[in-house]
């Protein structure tokens, strides 16, 4: 039986965070559907009819933060080589 050490933790943690972030981004997005985009009034009416709209989008934002955390863990694990990855991930996810 293997145990997770400080050196092997990123190999377990990073994929888990990436999968969790993807699920948290895709599933809520698929559940709330696409609003009409031709008219601002129609879009606002669509959003007003769905009380969960804000929660879904907060979950989407949380998913992006989970992805950012995954890249942060990976960058820290890579040491000096990960600085560029950390900067790139921060720019992309911001």
N, C-alpha and C. Protein backbone atom coordinates (compact mmCIF):
# COMPACT_ATOMS: atom_id res chain seq x y z
N UNK A 1 0.84 -1.18 0.00
CA UNK A 1 0.00 0.00 0.00
C UNK A 1 0.89 1.24 0.00
N UNK A 2 0.64 2.14 -0.91
CA UNK A 2 1.46 3.34 -1.00
C UNK A 2 0.83 4.47 -0.21
N UNK A 3 1.68 5.33 0.28
CA UNK A 3 1.17 6.50 0.98
C UNK A 3 1.55 7.75 0.20
N UNK A 4 0.76 8.77 0.38
CA UNK A 4 1.01 10.03 -0.32
C UNK A 4 2.02 10.83 0.48
N UNK A 5 3.10 11.21 -0.17
CA UNK A 5 4.13 12.01 0.48
C UNK A 5 4.11 13.42 -0.09
N UNK A 6 4.92 14.26 0.47
CA UNK A 6 5.01 15.64 0.00
C UNK A 6 5.44 15.70 -1.48
N UNK A 7 6.27 14.75 -1.88
CA UNK A 7 6.74 14.73 -3.27
C UNK A 7 5.69 14.19 -4.24
N UNK A 8 4.84 13.28 -3.77
CA UNK A 8 3.85 12.68 -4.66
C UNK A 8 2.48 13.35 -4.57
N UNK A 9 2.28 14.22 -3.61
CA UNK A 9 0.97 14.87 -3.43
C UNK A 9 0.50 15.61 -4.68
N UNK A 10 1.36 16.38 -5.36
CA UNK A 10 0.88 17.06 -6.56
C UNK A 10 0.37 16.11 -7.64
N UNK A 11 0.95 14.91 -7.72
CA UNK A 11 0.51 13.94 -8.72
C UNK A 11 -0.91 13.47 -8.45
N UNK A 12 -1.34 13.55 -7.20
CA UNK A 12 -2.70 13.17 -6.83
C UNK A 12 -3.60 14.40 -6.79
N UNK A 13 -3.10 15.46 -6.24
CA UNK A 13 -3.90 16.66 -6.01
C UNK A 13 -4.24 17.41 -7.30
N UNK A 14 -3.26 17.61 -8.17
CA UNK A 14 -3.48 18.41 -9.38
C UNK A 14 -4.54 17.80 -10.28
N UNK A 15 -4.46 16.52 -10.63
CA UNK A 15 -5.53 15.96 -11.47
C UNK A 15 -6.90 16.03 -10.80
N UNK A 16 -6.94 15.81 -9.49
CA UNK A 16 -8.21 15.89 -8.77
C UNK A 16 -8.80 17.29 -8.83
N UNK A 17 -7.96 18.29 -8.65
CA UNK A 17 -8.43 19.68 -8.74
C UNK A 17 -8.89 20.03 -10.15
N UNK A 18 -8.16 19.55 -11.15
CA UNK A 18 -8.55 19.84 -12.54
C UNK A 18 -9.89 19.19 -12.88
N UNK A 19 -10.10 17.95 -12.44
CA UNK A 19 -11.38 17.28 -12.70
C UNK A 19 -12.50 17.97 -11.93
N UNK A 20 -12.25 18.30 -10.66
CA UNK A 20 -13.28 18.98 -9.85
C UNK A 20 -13.65 20.33 -10.46
N UNK A 21 -12.65 21.09 -10.90
CA UNK A 21 -12.92 22.38 -11.53
C UNK A 21 -13.73 22.23 -12.80
N UNK A 22 -13.42 21.21 -13.58
CA UNK A 22 -14.16 20.98 -14.82
C UNK A 22 -15.60 20.61 -14.55
N UNK A 23 -15.82 19.73 -13.59
CA UNK A 23 -17.19 19.34 -13.22
C UNK A 23 -17.95 20.55 -12.69
N UNK A 24 -17.31 21.33 -11.84
CA UNK A 24 -17.97 22.52 -11.28
C UNK A 24 -18.24 23.58 -12.33
N UNK A 25 -17.53 23.55 -13.44
CA UNK A 25 -17.76 24.53 -14.49
C UNK A 25 -18.81 24.03 -15.49
N UNK A 26 -18.68 22.80 -15.91
CA UNK A 26 -19.54 22.28 -16.98
C UNK A 26 -20.95 21.95 -16.49
N UNK A 27 -21.06 21.24 -15.40
CA UNK A 27 -22.37 20.78 -14.93
C UNK A 27 -23.34 21.92 -14.64
N UNK A 28 -22.98 22.91 -13.84
CA UNK A 28 -23.92 24.01 -13.62
C UNK A 28 -24.25 24.78 -14.90
N UNK A 29 -23.25 24.94 -15.76
CA UNK A 29 -23.49 25.65 -17.02
C UNK A 29 -24.50 24.91 -17.88
N UNK A 30 -24.39 23.59 -17.92
CA UNK A 30 -25.32 22.79 -18.72
C UNK A 30 -26.72 22.81 -18.12
N UNK A 31 -26.81 22.90 -16.81
CA UNK A 31 -28.12 22.85 -16.16
C UNK A 31 -28.92 24.14 -16.33
N UNK A 32 -28.27 25.28 -16.38
CA UNK A 32 -29.05 26.52 -16.45
C UNK A 32 -29.38 26.95 -17.87
N UNK A 33 -28.77 26.35 -18.87
CA UNK A 33 -29.13 26.65 -20.25
C UNK A 33 -28.55 27.97 -20.74
N UNK A 34 -28.86 28.27 -21.98
CA UNK A 34 -28.37 29.49 -22.62
C UNK A 34 -29.46 30.54 -22.69
N UNK A 35 -29.18 31.72 -22.21
CA UNK A 35 -30.17 32.79 -22.30
C UNK A 35 -30.26 33.33 -23.73
N UNK A 36 -31.36 33.97 -24.05
CA UNK A 36 -31.43 34.63 -25.36
C UNK A 36 -30.45 35.81 -25.37
N UNK A 37 -29.72 35.98 -26.44
CA UNK A 37 -28.71 37.03 -26.49
C UNK A 37 -29.04 38.12 -27.50
N UNK A 38 -30.17 38.02 -28.16
CA UNK A 38 -30.54 39.01 -29.17
C UNK A 38 -31.06 40.31 -28.55
N UNK A 39 -31.59 40.20 -27.35
CA UNK A 39 -32.20 41.36 -26.72
C UNK A 39 -31.81 41.41 -25.25
N UNK A 40 -31.38 42.56 -24.80
CA UNK A 40 -31.02 42.73 -23.39
C UNK A 40 -32.23 42.51 -22.50
N UNK A 41 -33.40 42.99 -22.93
CA UNK A 41 -34.62 42.81 -22.12
C UNK A 41 -34.97 41.33 -21.99
N UNK A 42 -34.84 40.58 -23.08
CA UNK A 42 -35.12 39.14 -23.02
C UNK A 42 -34.12 38.42 -22.13
N UNK A 43 -32.87 38.83 -22.21
CA UNK A 43 -31.85 38.22 -21.37
C UNK A 43 -32.13 38.48 -19.90
N UNK A 44 -32.46 39.71 -19.56
CA UNK A 44 -32.77 40.05 -18.17
C UNK A 44 -34.01 39.31 -17.67
N UNK A 45 -35.02 39.17 -18.53
CA UNK A 45 -36.22 38.42 -18.15
C UNK A 45 -35.87 36.95 -17.91
N UNK A 46 -35.04 36.39 -18.77
CA UNK A 46 -34.61 34.99 -18.64
C UNK A 46 -33.89 34.78 -17.31
N UNK A 47 -32.98 35.69 -16.98
CA UNK A 47 -32.23 35.60 -15.73
C UNK A 47 -33.15 35.79 -14.53
N UNK A 48 -34.08 36.72 -14.62
CA UNK A 48 -34.99 36.99 -13.51
C UNK A 48 -35.89 35.79 -13.19
N UNK A 49 -36.18 34.98 -14.21
CA UNK A 49 -37.02 33.80 -14.01
C UNK A 49 -36.27 32.64 -13.37
N UNK A 50 -34.98 32.76 -13.23
CA UNK A 50 -34.15 31.69 -12.68
C UNK A 50 -33.41 32.19 -11.44
N UNK A 51 -33.97 31.91 -10.25
CA UNK A 51 -33.32 32.38 -9.02
C UNK A 51 -31.93 31.77 -8.80
N UNK A 52 -31.65 30.64 -9.44
CA UNK A 52 -30.35 30.00 -9.24
C UNK A 52 -29.26 30.58 -10.13
N UNK A 53 -29.59 31.54 -10.97
CA UNK A 53 -28.63 32.09 -11.93
C UNK A 53 -27.35 32.58 -11.26
N UNK A 54 -27.50 33.35 -10.18
CA UNK A 54 -26.31 33.90 -9.50
C UNK A 54 -25.47 32.78 -8.88
N UNK A 55 -26.14 31.83 -8.26
CA UNK A 55 -25.43 30.72 -7.62
C UNK A 55 -24.64 29.93 -8.66
N UNK A 56 -25.26 29.65 -9.79
CA UNK A 56 -24.59 28.91 -10.85
C UNK A 56 -23.32 29.65 -11.30
N UNK A 57 -23.42 30.94 -11.45
CA UNK A 57 -22.25 31.69 -11.91
C UNK A 57 -21.20 31.83 -10.82
N UNK A 58 -21.59 31.85 -9.57
CA UNK A 58 -20.60 31.83 -8.49
C UNK A 58 -19.87 30.49 -8.47
N UNK A 59 -20.59 29.41 -8.74
CA UNK A 59 -19.95 28.09 -8.83
C UNK A 59 -18.97 28.08 -10.01
N UNK A 60 -19.36 28.68 -11.14
CA UNK A 60 -18.44 28.77 -12.29
C UNK A 60 -17.18 29.54 -11.91
N UNK A 61 -17.32 30.63 -11.20
CA UNK A 61 -16.16 31.40 -10.76
C UNK A 61 -15.31 30.57 -9.81
N UNK A 62 -15.97 29.84 -8.90
CA UNK A 62 -15.24 28.94 -8.00
C UNK A 62 -14.46 27.88 -8.76
N UNK A 63 -15.04 27.38 -9.85
CA UNK A 63 -14.35 26.37 -10.67
C UNK A 63 -13.06 26.94 -11.25
N UNK A 64 -13.11 28.17 -11.71
CA UNK A 64 -11.90 28.79 -12.26
C UNK A 64 -10.85 28.96 -11.16
N UNK A 65 -11.28 29.28 -9.95
CA UNK A 65 -10.34 29.39 -8.84
C UNK A 65 -9.73 28.04 -8.49
N UNK A 66 -10.52 26.97 -8.62
CA UNK A 66 -10.00 25.61 -8.38
C UNK A 66 -8.94 25.28 -9.43
N UNK A 67 -9.20 25.64 -10.70
CA UNK A 67 -8.20 25.42 -11.75
C UNK A 67 -6.92 26.21 -11.43
N UNK A 68 -7.09 27.45 -11.00
CA UNK A 68 -5.93 28.27 -10.66
C UNK A 68 -5.15 27.65 -9.51
N UNK A 69 -5.85 27.11 -8.53
CA UNK A 69 -5.18 26.43 -7.41
C UNK A 69 -4.40 25.22 -7.90
N UNK A 70 -4.97 24.47 -8.85
CA UNK A 70 -4.27 23.31 -9.41
C UNK A 70 -2.95 23.73 -10.05
N UNK A 71 -2.99 24.79 -10.84
CA UNK A 71 -1.76 25.24 -11.48
C UNK A 71 -0.80 25.84 -10.46
N UNK A 72 -1.32 26.43 -9.39
CA UNK A 72 -0.46 26.93 -8.32
C UNK A 72 0.28 25.80 -7.62
N UNK A 73 -0.44 24.71 -7.34
CA UNK A 73 0.20 23.54 -6.71
C UNK A 73 1.26 22.97 -7.65
N UNK A 74 0.92 22.85 -8.93
CA UNK A 74 1.87 22.32 -9.90
C UNK A 74 3.10 23.23 -10.01
N UNK A 75 2.89 24.53 -10.06
CA UNK A 75 4.01 25.47 -10.18
C UNK A 75 4.91 25.40 -8.95
N UNK A 76 4.31 25.28 -7.77
CA UNK A 76 5.11 25.18 -6.55
C UNK A 76 5.93 23.89 -6.56
N UNK A 77 5.33 22.82 -7.05
CA UNK A 77 6.02 21.53 -7.12
C UNK A 77 7.19 21.59 -8.10
N UNK A 78 7.06 22.37 -9.16
CA UNK A 78 8.12 22.47 -10.16
C UNK A 78 9.27 23.38 -9.71
N UNK A 79 9.07 24.11 -8.64
CA UNK A 79 10.12 25.00 -8.14
C UNK A 79 10.35 26.18 -9.07
N UNK A 80 11.60 26.52 -9.31
CA UNK A 80 11.94 27.66 -10.16
C UNK A 80 11.41 27.52 -11.58
N UNK A 81 11.33 26.30 -12.06
CA UNK A 81 10.80 26.07 -13.41
C UNK A 81 9.32 26.39 -13.50
N UNK A 82 8.64 26.42 -12.37
CA UNK A 82 7.20 26.65 -12.37
C UNK A 82 6.78 28.10 -12.31
N UNK A 83 7.73 29.02 -12.16
CA UNK A 83 7.38 30.43 -12.06
C UNK A 83 6.66 30.93 -13.31
N UNK A 84 7.16 30.54 -14.46
CA UNK A 84 6.52 30.96 -15.71
C UNK A 84 5.11 30.36 -15.82
N UNK A 85 4.97 29.10 -15.42
CA UNK A 85 3.66 28.46 -15.44
C UNK A 85 2.69 29.17 -14.50
N UNK A 86 3.15 29.53 -13.33
CA UNK A 86 2.29 30.23 -12.37
C UNK A 86 1.86 31.59 -12.92
N UNK A 87 2.78 32.33 -13.52
CA UNK A 87 2.42 33.62 -14.10
C UNK A 87 1.43 33.44 -15.25
N UNK A 88 1.69 32.49 -16.12
CA UNK A 88 0.82 32.24 -17.26
C UNK A 88 -0.59 31.84 -16.79
N UNK A 89 -0.67 30.93 -15.85
CA UNK A 89 -1.97 30.48 -15.34
C UNK A 89 -2.74 31.64 -14.69
N UNK A 90 -2.03 32.47 -13.95
CA UNK A 90 -2.68 33.62 -13.33
C UNK A 90 -3.28 34.56 -14.36
N UNK A 91 -2.54 34.81 -15.43
CA UNK A 91 -3.04 35.69 -16.49
C UNK A 91 -4.23 35.07 -17.21
N UNK A 92 -4.12 33.78 -17.52
CA UNK A 92 -5.20 33.11 -18.26
C UNK A 92 -6.48 33.07 -17.44
N UNK A 93 -6.38 32.64 -16.18
CA UNK A 93 -7.58 32.45 -15.38
C UNK A 93 -8.12 33.76 -14.80
N UNK A 94 -7.31 34.79 -14.75
CA UNK A 94 -7.81 36.07 -14.30
C UNK A 94 -8.67 36.68 -15.39
